[in-house]
């Protein structure tokens, strides 16, 4: 699935998925940090 996306070189969807991944990663890091600093 990811390889198909990469081979089509659909730049807008690629940037959107990258931004979504960054947002999920930032939320996960914030959650982990809040859990650790309790």
C-alpha atoms as a PDB file:
ATOM      1  CA  UNK A   1       0.000   0.000   0.000  1.00  0.00           C
ATOM      2  CA  UNK A   2       2.734   2.459   0.961  1.00  0.00           C
ATOM      3  CA  UNK A   3       4.878   1.383  -1.992  1.00  0.00           C
ATOM      4  CA  UNK A   4       1.979   2.019  -4.356  1.00  0.00           C
ATOM      5  CA  UNK A   5       1.639   5.521  -2.914  1.00  0.00           C
ATOM      6  CA  UNK A   6       5.363   6.126  -3.334  1.00  0.00           C
ATOM      7  CA  UNK A   7       5.488   4.844  -6.898  1.00  0.00           C
ATOM      8  CA  UNK A   8       2.625   7.100  -8.019  1.00  0.00           C
ATOM      9  CA  UNK A   9       4.481  10.087  -6.547  1.00  0.00           C
ATOM     10  CA  UNK A  10       1.217  11.676  -5.432  1.00  0.00           C
ATOM     11  CA  UNK A  11       2.812  14.638  -3.701  1.00  0.00           C
ATOM     12  CA  UNK A  12      -0.250  16.200  -1.971  1.00  0.00           C
ATOM     13  CA  UNK A  13      -1.377  12.904  -0.430  1.00  0.00           C
ATOM     14  CA  UNK A  14       2.221  12.098   0.510  1.00  0.00           C
ATOM     15  CA  UNK A  15       2.600  15.440   2.307  1.00  0.00           C
ATOM     16  CA  UNK A  16      -0.795  14.968   3.968  1.00  0.00           C
ATOM     17  CA  UNK A  17       0.105  11.508   5.249  1.00  0.00           C
ATOM     18  CA  UNK A  18       3.483  12.823   6.413  1.00  0.00           C
ATOM     19  CA  UNK A  19       1.808  15.679   8.294  1.00  0.00           C
ATOM     20  CA  UNK A  20      -0.676  13.231   9.832  1.00  0.00           C
ATOM     21  CA  UNK A  21       2.192  10.993  10.935  1.00  0.00           C
ATOM     22  CA  UNK A  22       3.959  13.990  12.491  1.00  0.00           C
ATOM     23  CA  UNK A  23       0.795  14.994  14.344  1.00  0.00           C
ATOM     24  CA  UNK A  24       0.277  11.448  15.658  1.00  0.00           C
ATOM     25  CA  UNK A  25       3.929  11.258  16.712  1.00  0.00           C
ATOM     26  CA  UNK A  26       3.736  14.604  18.502  1.00  0.00           C
ATOM     27  CA  UNK A  27       0.553  13.545  20.310  1.00  0.00           C
ATOM     28  CA  UNK A  28       2.146  10.235  21.328  1.00  0.00           C
ATOM     29  CA  UNK A  29       5.255  12.002  22.620  1.00  0.00           C
ATOM     30  CA  UNK A  30       3.123  14.480  24.586  1.00  0.00           C
ATOM     31  CA  UNK A  31       1.104  11.630  26.098  1.00  0.00           C
ATOM     32  CA  UNK A  32       4.248   9.705  27.033  1.00  0.00           C
ATOM     33  CA  UNK A  33       5.802  12.808  28.551  1.00  0.00           C
ATOM     34  CA  UNK A  34       2.697  13.554  30.635  1.00  0.00           C
ATOM     35  CA  UNK A  35       2.614   9.918  31.790  1.00  0.00           C
ATOM     36  CA  UNK A  36       6.294   9.968  32.750  1.00  0.00           C
ATOM     37  CA  UNK A  37       6.148  13.273  34.619  1.00  0.00           C
ATOM     38  CA  UNK A  38       3.201  12.284  36.793  1.00  0.00           C
END
